[in-house]
Amino acid sequence: MQREGPERQELARVFRECSKSYDFWTDSGLALIGSPDTVIRQIEQQRELISYDVFSARHRFGRLDPKLSHKSTRLFAEHVMPAFE
């Protein structure tokens, strides 16, 4: 098995860029940030692009205050998830 194929190189590049700034996360669609309507639009755009039917979210990362991650989770559950039922 080839250890340094193009997929492996791209994965390494993504991990390097992710560690540099949050701008890479948002610019590449790895982080969906904004109002519930904005996040709904972002998910819809990604679904059209790559046709996924399972979405996984992580609402707490880095040093984010737990209260803010709970608020994010609540907003997601109340306003974003119903758009995909």
C-alpha atoms as a PDB file:
ATOM      1  CA  MET A   1       0.000   0.000   0.000  1.00  0.00           C
ATOM      2  CA  GLN A   2       1.331   3.396  -0.989  1.00  0.00           C
ATOM      3  CA  ARG A   3       1.740   5.653   2.051  1.00  0.00           C
ATOM      4  CA  GLU A   4       2.143   8.995   0.285  1.00  0.00           C
ATOM      5  CA  GLY A   5      -0.514   8.923  -2.419  1.00  0.00           C
ATOM      6  CA  PRO A   6      -2.455  12.030  -3.474  1.00  0.00           C
ATOM      7  CA  GLU A   7      -5.255  11.375  -0.979  1.00  0.00           C
ATOM      8  CA  ARG A   8      -2.780  11.142   1.895  1.00  0.00           C
ATOM      9  CA  GLN A   9      -1.026  14.317   0.770  1.00  0.00           C
ATOM     10  CA  GLU A  10      -4.333  16.201   0.600  1.00  0.00           C
ATOM     11  CA  LEU A  11      -5.347  14.964   4.039  1.00  0.00           C
ATOM     12  CA  ALA A  12      -2.011  16.133   5.448  1.00  0.00           C
ATOM     13  CA  ARG A  13      -2.495  19.537   3.798  1.00  0.00           C
ATOM     14  CA  VAL A  14      -5.977  19.900   5.297  1.00  0.00           C
ATOM     15  CA  PHE A  15      -4.719  19.057   8.789  1.00  0.00           C
ATOM     16  CA  ARG A  16      -1.867  21.567   8.445  1.00  0.00           C
ATOM     17  CA  GLU A  17      -4.218  24.323   7.296  1.00  0.00           C
ATOM     18  CA  CYS A  18      -6.788  23.555  10.005  1.00  0.00           C
ATOM     19  CA  SER A  19      -4.187  24.144  12.674  1.00  0.00           C
ATOM     20  CA  LYS A  20      -3.308  27.603  11.307  1.00  0.00           C
ATOM     21  CA  SER A  21      -6.637  29.435  11.524  1.00  0.00           C
ATOM     22  CA  TYR A  22     -10.388  29.120  11.686  1.00  0.00           C
ATOM     23  CA  ASP A  23     -10.638  30.924   8.340  1.00  0.00           C
ATOM     24  CA  PHE A  24      -9.590  27.709   6.583  1.00  0.00           C
ATOM     25  CA  TRP A  25     -12.365  25.855   8.406  1.00  0.00           C
ATOM     26  CA  THR A  26     -15.051  28.270   7.243  1.00  0.00           C
ATOM     27  CA  ASP A  27     -13.651  28.942   3.755  1.00  0.00           C
ATOM     28  CA  SER A  28     -13.466  25.227   2.963  1.00  0.00           C
ATOM     29  CA  GLY A  29     -16.890  24.365   4.432  1.00  0.00           C
ATOM     30  CA  LEU A  30     -15.495  22.363   7.350  1.00  0.00           C
ATOM     31  CA  ALA A  31     -17.132  24.755   9.820  1.00  0.00           C
ATOM     32  CA  LEU A  32     -20.660  26.053   9.365  1.00  0.00           C
ATOM     33  CA  ILE A  33     -21.022  29.330  11.209  1.00  0.00           C
ATOM     34  CA  GLY A  34     -23.834  31.847  11.282  1.00  0.00           C
ATOM     35  CA  SER A  35     -27.504  32.264  11.985  1.00  0.00           C
ATOM     36  CA  PRO A  36     -29.745  29.202  11.736  1.00  0.00           C
ATOM     37  CA  ASP A  37     -30.846  30.339   8.258  1.00  0.00           C
ATOM     38  CA  THR A  38     -27.212  30.700   7.165  1.00  0.00           C
ATOM     39  CA  VAL A  39     -26.329  27.240   8.467  1.00  0.00           C
ATOM     40  CA  ILE A  40     -29.372  25.724   6.738  1.00  0.00           C
ATOM     41  CA  ARG A  41     -28.219  27.276   3.445  1.00  0.00           C
ATOM     42  CA  GLN A  42     -24.665  26.018   3.975  1.00  0.00           C
ATOM     43  CA  ILE A  43     -25.862  22.474   4.659  1.00  0.00           C
ATOM     44  CA  GLU A  44     -28.157  22.568   1.617  1.00  0.00           C
ATOM     45  CA  GLN A  45     -25.276  23.773  -0.591  1.00  0.00           C
ATOM     46  CA  GLN A  46     -22.987  21.020   0.662  1.00  0.00           C
ATOM     47  CA  ARG A  47     -25.706  18.400   0.217  1.00  0.00           C
ATOM     48  CA  GLU A  48     -26.204  19.461  -3.402  1.00  0.00           C
ATOM     49  CA  LEU A  49     -22.458  19.386  -3.988  1.00  0.00           C
ATOM     50  CA  ILE A  50     -21.621  15.980  -2.508  1.00  0.00           C
ATOM     51  CA  SER A  51     -25.023  14.325  -1.917  1.00  0.00           C
ATOM     52  CA  TYR A  52     -24.539  13.316   1.699  1.00  0.00           C
ATOM     53  CA  ASP A  53     -27.465  12.115   3.757  1.00  0.00           C
ATOM     54  CA  VAL A  54     -25.787  11.997   7.175  1.00  0.00           C
ATOM     55  CA  PHE A  55     -24.568  15.125   8.938  1.00  0.00           C
ATOM     56  CA  SER A  56     -22.381  15.189  12.025  1.00  0.00           C
ATOM     57  CA  ALA A  57     -21.891  18.353  14.061  1.00  0.00           C
ATOM     58  CA  ARG A  58     -19.482  19.283  16.787  1.00  0.00           C
ATOM     59  CA  HIS A  59     -20.628  22.317  18.725  1.00  0.00           C
ATOM     60  CA  ARG A  60     -17.732  22.549  21.169  1.00  0.00           C
ATOM     61  CA  PHE A  61     -14.142  22.964  20.104  1.00  0.00           C
ATOM     62  CA  GLY A  62     -11.018  24.677  21.330  1.00  0.00           C
ATOM     63  CA  ARG A  63     -11.593  26.823  24.396  1.00  0.00           C
ATOM     64  CA  LEU A  64     -15.203  27.644  23.614  1.00  0.00           C
ATOM     65  CA  ASP A  65     -17.214  28.378  26.736  1.00  0.00           C
ATOM     66  CA  PRO A  66     -19.546  25.423  27.471  1.00  0.00           C
ATOM     67  CA  LYS A  67     -22.492  27.835  27.746  1.00  0.00           C
ATOM     68  CA  LEU A  68     -21.923  28.956  24.155  1.00  0.00           C
ATOM     69  CA  SER A  69     -21.683  25.389  22.873  1.00  0.00           C
ATOM     70  CA  HIS A  70     -24.949  24.539  24.664  1.00  0.00           C
ATOM     71  CA  LYS A  71     -26.587  27.572  23.052  1.00  0.00           C
ATOM     72  CA  SER A  72     -25.270  26.496  19.641  1.00  0.00           C
ATOM     73  CA  THR A  73     -26.578  22.963  20.148  1.00  0.00           C
ATOM     74  CA  ARG A  74     -29.997  24.274  21.227  1.00  0.00           C
ATOM     75  CA  LEU A  75     -30.271  26.644  18.252  1.00  0.00           C
ATOM     76  CA  PHE A  76     -29.246  23.839  15.907  1.00  0.00           C
ATOM     77  CA  ALA A  77     -31.837  21.470  17.369  1.00  0.00           C
ATOM     78  CA  GLU A  78     -34.652  24.023  17.424  1.00  0.00           C
ATOM     79  CA  HIS A  79     -34.075  25.839  14.138  1.00  0.00           C
ATOM     80  CA  VAL A  80     -31.757  23.913  11.801  1.00  0.00           C
ATOM     81  CA  MET A  81     -32.733  20.270  12.259  1.00  0.00           C
ATOM     82  CA  PRO A  82     -36.442  20.831  11.528  1.00  0.00           C
ATOM     83  CA  ALA A  83     -35.511  22.124   8.076  1.00  0.00           C
ATOM     84  CA  PHE A  84     -34.286  18.619   7.188  1.00  0.00           C
ATOM     85  CA  GLU A  85     -37.066  16.458   8.613  1.00  0.00           C
END
